[in-house]
Protein backbone atom coordinates (compact mmCIF):
# COMPACT_ATOMS: atom_id res chain seq x y z
CA MET A 1 -2.01 4.57 22.85
CA ALA A 2 0.36 6.56 20.67
CA SER A 3 -0.17 8.91 17.76
CA VAL A 4 2.60 10.04 15.42
CA SER A 5 2.73 13.56 14.02
CA ILE A 6 5.22 14.72 11.38
CA LYS A 7 5.40 18.43 10.64
CA GLN A 8 7.17 20.09 7.70
CA LEU A 9 9.84 17.41 7.57
CA ASP A 10 12.84 17.86 5.27
CA LEU A 11 15.75 15.50 4.77
CA ASN A 12 18.68 16.31 2.51
CA PHE A 13 21.70 14.23 1.63
CA GLY A 14 24.07 16.96 0.53
CA THR A 15 22.33 18.78 -2.30
CA VAL A 16 19.83 15.95 -2.85
CA GLU A 17 16.36 16.56 -1.40
CA VAL A 18 14.98 13.20 -0.22
CA LEU A 19 11.98 14.35 1.84
CA LYS A 20 10.35 17.70 1.06
CA ASN A 21 8.23 19.67 3.53
CA LEU A 22 6.34 16.52 4.48
CA ASP A 23 3.34 16.58 6.83
CA LEU A 24 1.68 13.42 8.12
CA GLU A 25 -0.74 12.72 10.97
CA ILE A 26 -1.03 9.09 12.10
CA GLU A 27 -3.85 8.37 14.50
CA GLN A 28 -3.42 6.30 17.64
CA GLY A 29 -4.07 2.61 17.04
CA GLU A 30 -3.94 3.08 13.25
CA PHE A 31 -2.29 0.74 10.73
CA LEU A 32 -0.76 3.15 8.21
CA VAL A 33 1.12 1.92 5.14
CA LEU A 34 3.75 3.97 3.32
CA LEU A 35 3.56 2.78 -0.28
CA GLY A 36 5.72 3.68 -3.24
CA SER A 37 8.34 2.52 -5.70
CA SER A 38 12.02 2.18 -4.84
CA GLY A 39 13.68 5.51 -4.10
CA CYS A 40 10.49 7.42 -3.27
CA GLY A 41 11.57 8.06 0.36
CA LYS A 42 9.29 5.70 2.27
CA SER A 43 12.02 3.78 4.15
CA THR A 44 13.87 7.05 4.71
CA LEU A 45 10.76 8.52 6.35
CA LEU A 46 10.43 5.43 8.55
CA ASN A 47 14.08 5.75 9.61
CA CYS A 48 13.48 9.40 10.51
CA ILE A 49 10.56 8.38 12.73
CA ALA A 50 12.74 5.71 14.31
CA GLY A 51 15.58 8.16 14.95
CA LEU A 52 18.04 6.31 12.71
CA LEU A 53 18.44 9.42 10.52
CA ASP A 54 18.76 13.04 11.62
CA VAL A 55 16.28 15.29 9.83
CA SER A 56 17.33 18.50 8.09
CA ALA A 57 14.24 20.44 9.19
CA GLY A 58 10.84 19.86 10.74
CA GLN A 59 9.61 18.00 13.81
CA ILE A 60 8.42 14.53 14.81
CA PHE A 61 5.99 13.96 17.70
CA ILE A 62 5.05 10.61 19.28
CA SER A 63 2.15 10.71 21.74
CA GLY A 64 2.42 14.50 21.74
CA LYS A 65 6.10 14.44 22.77
CA ASN A 66 8.67 16.07 20.50
CA VAL A 67 11.14 13.25 19.74
CA THR A 68 12.91 14.90 16.79
CA TRP A 69 16.30 14.68 18.49
CA GLU A 70 15.65 11.80 20.90
CA GLU A 71 17.68 8.58 20.68
CA PRO A 72 15.86 5.60 19.08
CA LYS A 73 15.69 3.77 22.42
CA ASP A 74 13.87 6.70 24.02
CA ARG A 75 11.11 7.02 21.38
CA GLY A 76 8.91 4.14 22.54
CA ILE A 77 9.08 2.35 19.20
CA GLY A 78 9.78 -1.21 18.07
CA MET A 79 11.23 -1.78 14.61
CA VAL A 80 11.12 -4.84 12.34
CA PHE A 81 13.51 -4.79 9.39
CA GLN A 82 13.51 -6.47 5.99
CA SER A 83 16.42 -8.62 7.17
CA TYR A 84 15.61 -10.62 10.28
CA ALA A 85 18.77 -9.42 12.11
CA LEU A 86 18.64 -12.24 14.66
CA TYR A 87 21.63 -13.27 16.74
CA PRO A 88 22.60 -16.66 15.25
CA GLN A 89 24.31 -17.96 18.40
CA MET A 90 21.23 -17.38 20.58
CA THR A 91 18.02 -19.38 20.79
CA VAL A 92 14.71 -17.78 19.87
CA GLU A 93 14.09 -17.20 23.57
CA GLY A 94 17.51 -15.60 23.91
CA ASN A 95 16.84 -13.28 20.97
CA LEU A 96 13.53 -12.21 22.48
CA ALA A 97 15.05 -11.63 25.91
CA PHE A 98 18.29 -9.90 24.87
CA GLY A 99 17.04 -6.31 24.71
CA LEU A 100 15.02 -6.69 27.90
CA LYS A 101 18.03 -8.01 29.83
CA ASN A 102 20.10 -5.04 28.68
CA ALA A 103 17.30 -2.77 29.90
CA LYS A 104 17.48 -4.48 33.33
CA VAL A 105 13.89 -5.74 33.15
CA PRO A 106 13.18 -8.24 35.98
CA LYS A 107 13.34 -11.91 34.96
CA ASP A 108 9.72 -12.61 35.85
CA GLU A 109 8.59 -9.72 33.66
CA ILE A 110 10.82 -10.95 30.80
CA ASP A 111 9.28 -14.42 31.03
CA THR A 112 5.76 -12.95 31.03
CA ARG A 113 6.40 -10.81 27.97
CA ILE A 114 8.05 -13.65 26.04
CA LYS A 115 5.17 -15.98 26.87
CA ARG A 116 2.58 -13.46 25.68
CA ALA A 117 4.43 -12.61 22.45
CA SER A 118 5.12 -16.27 21.59
CA GLU A 119 1.45 -17.18 22.10
CA ILE A 120 0.24 -14.37 19.85
CA LEU A 121 2.77 -15.22 17.12
CA HIS A 122 2.47 -19.02 17.52
CA ILE A 123 6.20 -19.52 18.13
CA GLU A 124 6.02 -21.30 21.51
CA PRO A 125 7.46 -24.59 20.08
CA LEU A 126 10.41 -22.67 18.60
CA LEU A 127 11.74 -21.00 21.75
CA LYS A 128 14.65 -23.44 22.23
CA ARG A 129 15.71 -23.44 18.57
CA LYS A 130 18.38 -21.26 16.97
CA PRO A 131 17.69 -19.10 13.88
CA ALA A 132 19.47 -21.56 11.54
CA GLN A 133 16.83 -24.16 12.46
CA LEU A 134 13.91 -21.90 11.45
CA SER A 135 12.18 -21.20 8.14
CA GLY A 136 12.05 -17.67 6.73
CA GLY A 137 8.53 -17.15 8.01
CA GLN A 138 9.42 -18.38 11.48
CA ARG A 139 12.44 -16.06 11.61
CA GLN A 140 10.27 -13.10 10.65
CA ARG A 141 7.80 -14.00 13.42
CA VAL A 142 10.69 -14.01 15.88
CA ALA A 143 11.83 -10.60 14.59
CA ILE A 144 8.30 -9.27 15.16
CA GLY A 145 8.26 -10.87 18.60
CA ARG A 146 11.50 -9.15 19.53
CA ALA A 147 9.81 -5.81 18.87
CA MET A 148 6.62 -6.89 20.67
CA VAL A 149 8.30 -7.82 23.96
CA ARG A 150 9.51 -4.25 24.35
CA ASP A 151 5.88 -3.36 25.12
CA VAL A 152 5.91 -0.33 22.82
CA ASP A 153 3.01 1.69 21.45
CA VAL A 154 4.38 2.21 17.92
CA PHE A 155 5.62 -0.55 15.61
CA LEU A 156 7.67 0.31 12.53
CA PHE A 157 7.87 -2.31 9.76
CA ASP A 158 10.38 -1.86 6.93
CA GLU A 159 9.30 -4.25 4.13
CA PRO A 160 9.28 -7.23 6.53
CA LEU A 161 7.80 -9.71 4.03
CA SER A 162 9.78 -8.90 0.89
CA ASN A 163 12.28 -11.75 1.40
CA LEU A 164 9.57 -14.41 1.63
CA ASP A 165 7.91 -16.47 -1.12
CA ALA A 166 4.42 -15.54 -2.32
CA LYS A 167 2.54 -18.18 -0.29
CA LEU A 168 4.34 -17.28 2.93
CA ARG A 169 3.82 -13.56 2.31
CA ALA A 170 0.08 -14.15 2.03
CA GLU A 171 0.04 -16.15 5.28
CA LEU A 172 2.05 -13.56 7.20
CA ARG A 173 -0.14 -10.73 5.89
CA VAL A 174 -3.04 -12.39 7.66
CA GLU A 175 -0.91 -12.84 10.80
CA LEU A 176 0.04 -9.15 10.80
CA LYS A 177 -3.57 -8.08 10.37
CA ARG A 178 -4.61 -10.40 13.19
CA LEU A 179 -1.76 -9.07 15.34
CA HIS A 180 -2.94 -5.49 14.85
CA GLN A 181 -6.48 -6.48 15.79
CA GLN A 182 -5.23 -8.18 18.96
CA LEU A 183 -3.03 -5.21 19.87
CA ASP A 184 -5.77 -2.69 19.14
CA ASN A 185 -4.06 0.08 21.11
CA THR A 186 -0.89 -0.18 19.05
CA THR A 187 -0.01 2.13 16.16
CA MET A 188 1.69 0.42 13.21
CA ILE A 189 3.56 2.11 10.36
CA TYR A 190 4.42 -0.26 7.54
CA VAL A 191 6.65 0.36 4.51
CA THR A 192 6.17 -1.63 1.31
CA HIS A 193 6.34 -1.40 -2.48
CA ASP A 194 3.73 -4.17 -2.76
CA GLN A 195 0.27 -2.71 -3.40
CA ILE A 196 -1.47 -5.96 -2.37
CA GLU A 197 0.14 -5.73 1.07
CA ALA A 198 -0.92 -2.09 1.30
CA LEU A 199 -4.53 -2.66 0.25
CA THR A 200 -5.06 -5.69 2.50
CA LEU A 201 -3.32 -4.41 5.64
CA ALA A 202 -3.87 -0.67 5.86
CA ASP A 203 -6.44 1.45 7.61
CA ARG A 204 -4.99 4.25 5.48
CA ILE A 205 -2.35 4.34 2.75
CA ALA A 206 0.12 7.15 2.07
CA ILE A 207 1.32 6.89 -1.52
CA MET A 208 4.73 8.50 -1.96
CA LYS A 209 6.61 9.83 -4.97
CA GLU A 210 9.94 11.67 -4.98
CA GLY A 211 9.87 12.46 -1.27
CA SER A 212 6.30 13.73 -1.02
CA ILE A 213 2.91 12.19 -0.29
CA GLN A 214 0.63 12.09 -3.33
CA GLN A 215 -2.50 10.80 -1.60
CA LEU A 216 -3.42 9.77 1.95
CA ALA A 217 -6.69 7.87 2.26
CA ASP A 218 -8.30 4.53 3.03
CA PRO A 219 -7.71 1.69 0.52
CA HIS A 220 -11.21 1.97 -0.99
CA THR A 221 -10.75 5.67 -1.77
CA ILE A 222 -7.21 5.20 -3.07
CA TYR A 223 -8.37 2.49 -5.46
CA ASN A 224 -11.63 4.00 -6.66
CA LYS A 225 -10.86 7.73 -6.51
CA PRO A 226 -7.13 8.21 -7.17
CA VAL A 227 -6.22 11.87 -6.77
CA ASN A 228 -3.97 11.97 -9.85
CA LEU A 229 -2.67 9.92 -12.77
CA PHE A 230 0.37 8.70 -10.84
CA VAL A 231 -1.77 7.13 -8.10
CA ALA A 232 -4.21 5.68 -10.64
CA ASN A 233 -1.36 4.04 -12.55
CA PHE A 234 0.48 2.85 -9.46
CA ILE A 235 -2.49 1.13 -7.81
CA GLY A 236 -4.08 -1.85 -9.54
CA SER A 237 -2.78 -5.04 -11.14
CA PRO A 238 -3.14 -5.06 -14.07
CA SER A 239 -2.91 -1.30 -14.21
CA ILE A 240 -5.79 0.98 -15.13
CA ASN A 241 -6.73 1.49 -18.80
CA LEU A 242 -6.07 5.09 -19.91
CA LEU A 243 -7.91 6.64 -22.85
CA HIS A 244 -6.68 10.03 -24.09
CA GLY A 245 -9.22 12.42 -25.56
CA ASP A 246 -11.18 15.63 -25.12
CA MET A 247 -13.79 16.71 -22.58
CA THR A 248 -16.72 18.96 -23.36
CA GLY A 249 -18.43 20.75 -20.47
CA GLY A 250 -21.99 21.92 -19.90
CA LYS A 251 -25.01 20.07 -18.59
CA ALA A 252 -24.28 16.99 -20.72
CA PRO A 253 -20.48 16.55 -20.49
CA MET A 254 -18.98 14.21 -23.06
CA PHE A 255 -15.58 12.52 -23.35
CA THR A 256 -14.50 11.97 -26.95
CA PHE A 257 -11.59 9.73 -27.95
CA GLY A 258 -10.44 7.67 -30.94
CA GLY A 259 -12.87 4.88 -30.12
CA GLY A 260 -16.04 6.94 -29.78
CA LYS A 261 -17.90 9.16 -27.36
CA VAL A 262 -18.67 8.52 -23.70
CA SER A 263 -21.37 10.44 -21.87
CA VAL A 264 -19.97 11.21 -18.43
CA LYS A 265 -23.07 12.87 -17.03
CA GLY A 266 -23.18 10.34 -14.16
CA TYR A 267 -19.55 10.95 -13.17
CA ASP A 268 -18.89 12.53 -9.77
CA PHE A 269 -16.94 15.63 -10.81
CA ALA A 270 -15.14 17.58 -8.09
CA GLU A 271 -16.07 20.78 -9.96
CA PRO A 272 -18.28 21.45 -13.01
CA PRO A 273 -16.37 20.12 -16.04
CA VAL A 274 -14.93 22.47 -18.66
CA ALA A 275 -13.74 21.76 -22.18
CA GLY A 276 -10.17 20.58 -22.63
CA ASN A 277 -7.83 17.63 -23.07
CA ALA A 278 -8.47 14.83 -20.58
CA VAL A 279 -7.62 11.23 -19.74
CA LEU A 280 -10.30 8.70 -18.84
CA GLY A 281 -9.23 5.73 -16.69
CA VAL A 282 -11.14 2.44 -16.60
CA ARG A 283 -10.08 -0.43 -14.36
CA PRO A 284 -10.12 -3.85 -16.11
CA GLU A 285 -12.49 -5.31 -13.51
CA HIS A 286 -15.02 -2.53 -14.12
CA VAL A 287 -15.43 -3.55 -17.78
CA ALA A 288 -18.48 -5.70 -18.59
CA TYR A 289 -18.42 -8.32 -21.34
CA GLY A 290 -21.06 -9.99 -23.52
CA GLU A 291 -24.71 -9.64 -22.50
CA ALA A 292 -23.81 -7.65 -19.38
CA ALA A 293 -22.00 -5.09 -21.56
CA LYS A 294 -25.16 -4.36 -23.55
CA LYS A 295 -26.75 -2.87 -20.42
CA MET A 296 -23.89 -0.42 -19.85
CA PRO A 297 -24.15 3.34 -20.65
CA PHE A 298 -21.11 2.97 -22.94
CA LYS A 299 -20.65 -0.12 -25.08
CA THR A 300 -18.66 -1.02 -28.17
CA LYS A 301 -17.29 -3.99 -30.12
CA VAL A 302 -13.61 -4.90 -30.02
CA SER A 303 -11.42 -7.68 -31.38
CA VAL A 304 -9.52 -9.90 -28.93
CA ASP A 305 -5.72 -9.61 -29.30
CA VAL A 306 -4.37 -11.71 -26.42
CA VAL A 307 -5.97 -14.01 -23.82
CA GLU A 308 -4.17 -14.57 -20.51
CA PRO A 309 -5.69 -17.36 -18.34
CA MET A 310 -4.91 -16.60 -14.67
CA GLY A 311 -6.79 -19.39 -12.90
CA SER A 312 -9.67 -17.73 -11.08
CA ASP A 313 -10.10 -15.21 -13.89
CA THR A 314 -8.81 -14.37 -17.36
CA LEU A 315 -7.27 -11.13 -18.60
CA VAL A 316 -8.20 -10.17 -22.15
CA TRP A 317 -6.19 -7.66 -24.20
CA THR A 318 -7.86 -5.65 -26.95
CA THR A 319 -7.51 -2.29 -28.68
CA LEU A 320 -10.04 0.48 -28.08
CA GLY A 321 -9.61 3.37 -30.48
CA GLU A 322 -5.85 3.41 -30.88
CA GLU A 323 -5.00 2.41 -27.31
CA THR A 324 -4.41 -0.90 -25.56
CA PHE A 325 -7.39 -1.88 -23.42
CA ARG A 326 -7.66 -4.77 -20.93
CA PHE A 327 -10.63 -6.36 -19.20
CA ARG A 328 -11.26 -9.30 -16.88
CA VAL A 329 -13.62 -12.21 -17.45
CA GLY A 330 -14.25 -15.46 -15.55
CA GLY A 331 -11.57 -18.11 -15.37
CA GLN A 332 -13.65 -20.68 -17.31
CA THR A 333 -14.36 -18.43 -20.30
CA ASP A 334 -14.12 -19.74 -23.86
CA ILE A 335 -13.10 -16.36 -25.28
CA ALA A 336 -10.40 -16.70 -27.96
CA LYS A 337 -7.89 -14.62 -29.92
CA GLY A 338 -9.41 -12.91 -32.95
CA GLN A 339 -12.97 -13.09 -31.61
CA GLU A 340 -15.12 -9.97 -31.84
CA VAL A 341 -16.82 -9.23 -28.51
CA THR A 342 -18.98 -6.53 -26.95
CA ILE A 343 -17.59 -4.69 -23.95
CA GLY A 344 -18.93 -1.77 -21.94
CA PHE A 345 -18.53 0.23 -18.76
CA ASP A 346 -20.35 2.68 -16.55
CA PRO A 347 -18.67 6.14 -16.59
CA ALA A 348 -19.61 6.50 -12.90
CA THR A 349 -16.94 3.87 -12.07
CA THR A 350 -14.20 5.59 -14.07
CA SER A 351 -11.61 8.22 -13.14
CA ILE A 352 -11.11 11.32 -15.30
CA PHE A 353 -7.96 13.45 -15.16
CA ASP A 354 -6.91 16.76 -16.62
CA HIS A 355 -4.30 16.10 -19.29
CA ALA A 356 -2.03 19.00 -18.33
CA SER A 357 -2.09 18.88 -14.51
CA GLU A 358 -2.80 15.11 -14.30
CA LEU A 359 -5.17 15.86 -11.39
CA ARG A 360 -8.53 14.14 -10.96
CA LEU A 361 -11.51 16.07 -12.29
């Protein structure tokens, strides 16, 4: 099994700082996802781990070995790119075998590895076909198989599903999760900008912004206890509702905003709250509606502005105080535009942030 350790990593392109004093510990056998918007440095970090980019400062260790200046082929990693990068003139079997033949692996061993990888990825019937005869999902399976046959301990995935349609992405997410479970000794590092991929695949998620890691935690913690406003806004679809107001401290802390007052006595504060400007975040799925709302610690009446049917559920847009506020209801609801409804939420399920620092309180 292999662990990956990154210590005080810097990467500069001229005067542009891309990665800044970055530290990251990835446990052996872990599925870690690097998540962030375009340009945040996640693919750059993956390429540094792979040895495709030379770092400006810092060190990279794989299985305790310093590989900072090792060639990619000597790092014990397998990489799967966004583009399939298959040799079009070769069959699937030829693509899988190519790297092993160059490494002078015996033919019997090559056949054994190809057989194992093709069984796990369900590509046995495709071995005699060429890439042009495969669908996008089949080509991506072959690209994963090409990394698998190298018998490595660390897999690096650079947005491997982004070129696929939504249905195929969902299917391959399940395949990747199953693959990690089957290869339980294998460490996987996965880059994506898709939060659904991150939440469904990861043991832990590292959310990146401008070359640094904002939060590193399991999906449940990332979603329910975002460390700052950036993480809270980035995770969740639709995004979290944000209410701007003032916090009063003491034994009965209260959040006051344009739409009323919310007692936050049941909130899990990191430190005793003090008075000041704050932002209260409420996820749309944590908002109760109708009779259920009347049982909530905070409840109020709002007028429905927009109704968005989404099949299994419905997203309702309203205004709370002076701010846009969204909540989810069942897909078969009869709620309509202009209707006045009661909504409510439990402050214990919210996230509260300091207005100035944007850090979680």
